[in-house]
Amino acid sequence: MTRDEEIVLCNKAIEHYKPANQVVQAIEELGELQQALARFLNDKANNVEEEIADVEIMIIQLKIIFNLGEIDNWREYKLTRLKDRINNEWFRY
């Protein structure tokens, strides 16, 4: 499926289920990913890959529901900050 097809499908899901319900669904999917990651850290059977896929689908929907442009601005800011922290990390030791 192309990126454009994903966006069309996610828009249909938002229209069908309504934005508030999709926000709730995103919260549930994030919780399931959290549980899978905890199981991974405890060397127990986990389904991290599946849960990441679910969260990625919900992230697409959240980007549609909320302001994508603003999200892009925040991501750029936070990536720049991360880069600066990594590049300056030697100062901490």
Protein backbone atom coordinates (compact mmCIF):
# COMPACT_ATOMS: atom_id res chain seq x y z
CA MET A 1 0.00 0.00 0.00
CA THR A 2 1.37 3.42 -0.91
CA ARG A 3 1.63 6.29 1.55
CA ASP A 4 -1.21 8.09 -0.23
CA GLU A 5 -3.40 4.98 0.02
CA GLU A 6 -2.62 4.74 3.75
CA ILE A 7 -3.72 8.34 4.24
CA VAL A 8 -6.94 7.80 2.30
CA LEU A 9 -7.72 4.68 4.33
CA CYS A 10 -6.92 6.42 7.62
CA ASN A 11 -9.17 9.34 6.64
CA LYS A 12 -11.96 6.85 5.98
CA ALA A 13 -11.36 5.24 9.38
CA ILE A 14 -11.59 8.65 11.08
CA GLU A 15 -14.80 9.47 9.22
CA HIS A 16 -16.28 6.06 9.99
CA TYR A 17 -15.31 5.73 13.65
CA LYS A 18 -15.14 9.48 14.48
CA PRO A 19 -12.04 11.35 15.73
CA ALA A 20 -12.67 10.95 19.47
CA ASN A 21 -13.00 7.18 19.11
CA GLN A 22 -9.77 7.01 17.14
CA VAL A 23 -7.97 8.97 19.84
CA VAL A 24 -9.20 6.40 22.37
CA GLN A 25 -8.07 3.61 20.04
CA ALA A 26 -4.62 5.24 19.80
CA ILE A 27 -4.38 5.30 23.59
CA GLU A 28 -5.25 1.60 23.71
CA GLU A 29 -2.69 0.74 21.03
CA LEU A 30 0.00 2.71 22.85
CA GLY A 31 -0.80 0.77 26.02
CA GLU A 32 -0.49 -2.51 24.17
CA LEU A 33 2.90 -1.44 22.80
CA GLN A 34 3.99 -0.49 26.30
CA GLN A 35 3.03 -3.95 27.55
CA ALA A 36 4.84 -5.68 24.66
CA LEU A 37 7.99 -3.66 25.36
CA ALA A 38 7.82 -4.57 29.05
CA ARG A 39 7.52 -8.25 28.15
CA PHE A 40 10.51 -7.86 25.83
CA LEU A 41 12.60 -6.40 28.66
CA ASN A 42 11.57 -9.29 30.90
CA ASP A 43 12.64 -11.84 28.27
CA LYS A 44 9.07 -13.01 27.83
CA ALA A 45 7.17 -13.70 24.64
CA ASN A 46 6.20 -10.43 23.03
CA ASN A 47 4.66 -9.02 19.89
CA VAL A 48 6.55 -5.73 19.68
CA GLU A 49 6.59 -5.61 15.87
CA GLU A 50 2.82 -6.07 15.62
CA GLU A 51 2.16 -3.42 18.25
CA ILE A 52 4.53 -0.95 16.58
CA ALA A 53 2.58 -1.45 13.34
CA ASP A 54 -0.69 -0.76 15.16
CA VAL A 55 0.75 2.39 16.74
CA GLU A 56 2.14 3.60 13.41
CA ILE A 57 -1.33 3.30 11.85
CA MET A 58 -2.83 5.25 14.72
CA ILE A 59 -0.08 7.88 14.46
CA ILE A 60 -1.11 8.50 10.86
CA GLN A 61 -4.67 9.04 12.06
CA LEU A 62 -3.56 11.31 14.90
CA LYS A 63 -1.57 13.41 12.44
CA ILE A 64 -4.73 13.82 10.37
CA ILE A 65 -6.90 14.62 13.39
CA PHE A 66 -4.40 17.10 14.83
CA ASN A 67 -2.36 19.72 13.00
CA LEU A 68 0.23 17.94 10.85
CA GLY A 69 2.15 21.16 10.15
CA GLU A 70 2.54 21.88 13.84
CA ILE A 71 3.61 18.27 14.46
CA ASP A 72 6.29 18.60 11.77
CA ASN A 73 7.57 21.79 13.43
CA TRP A 74 7.79 20.09 16.83
CA ARG A 75 9.50 17.01 15.34
CA GLU A 76 12.12 19.20 13.65
CA TYR A 77 12.74 21.10 16.89
CA LYS A 78 13.06 17.92 18.95
CA LEU A 79 15.32 16.18 16.43
CA THR A 80 17.60 19.21 16.37
CA ARG A 81 17.68 19.23 20.16
CA LEU A 82 18.51 15.50 20.20
CA LYS A 83 21.30 16.02 17.69
CA ASP A 84 22.73 18.84 19.81
CA ARG A 85 22.58 16.69 22.94
CA ILE A 86 24.34 13.79 21.24
CA ASN A 87 27.01 16.05 19.74
CA ASN A 88 27.65 17.75 23.09
CA GLU A 89 27.42 14.65 25.25
CA TRP A 90 31.16 14.45 25.81
CA PHE A 91 30.90 17.57 27.98
CA ARG A 92 29.07 15.55 30.62
CA TYR A 93 31.98 13.23 31.32
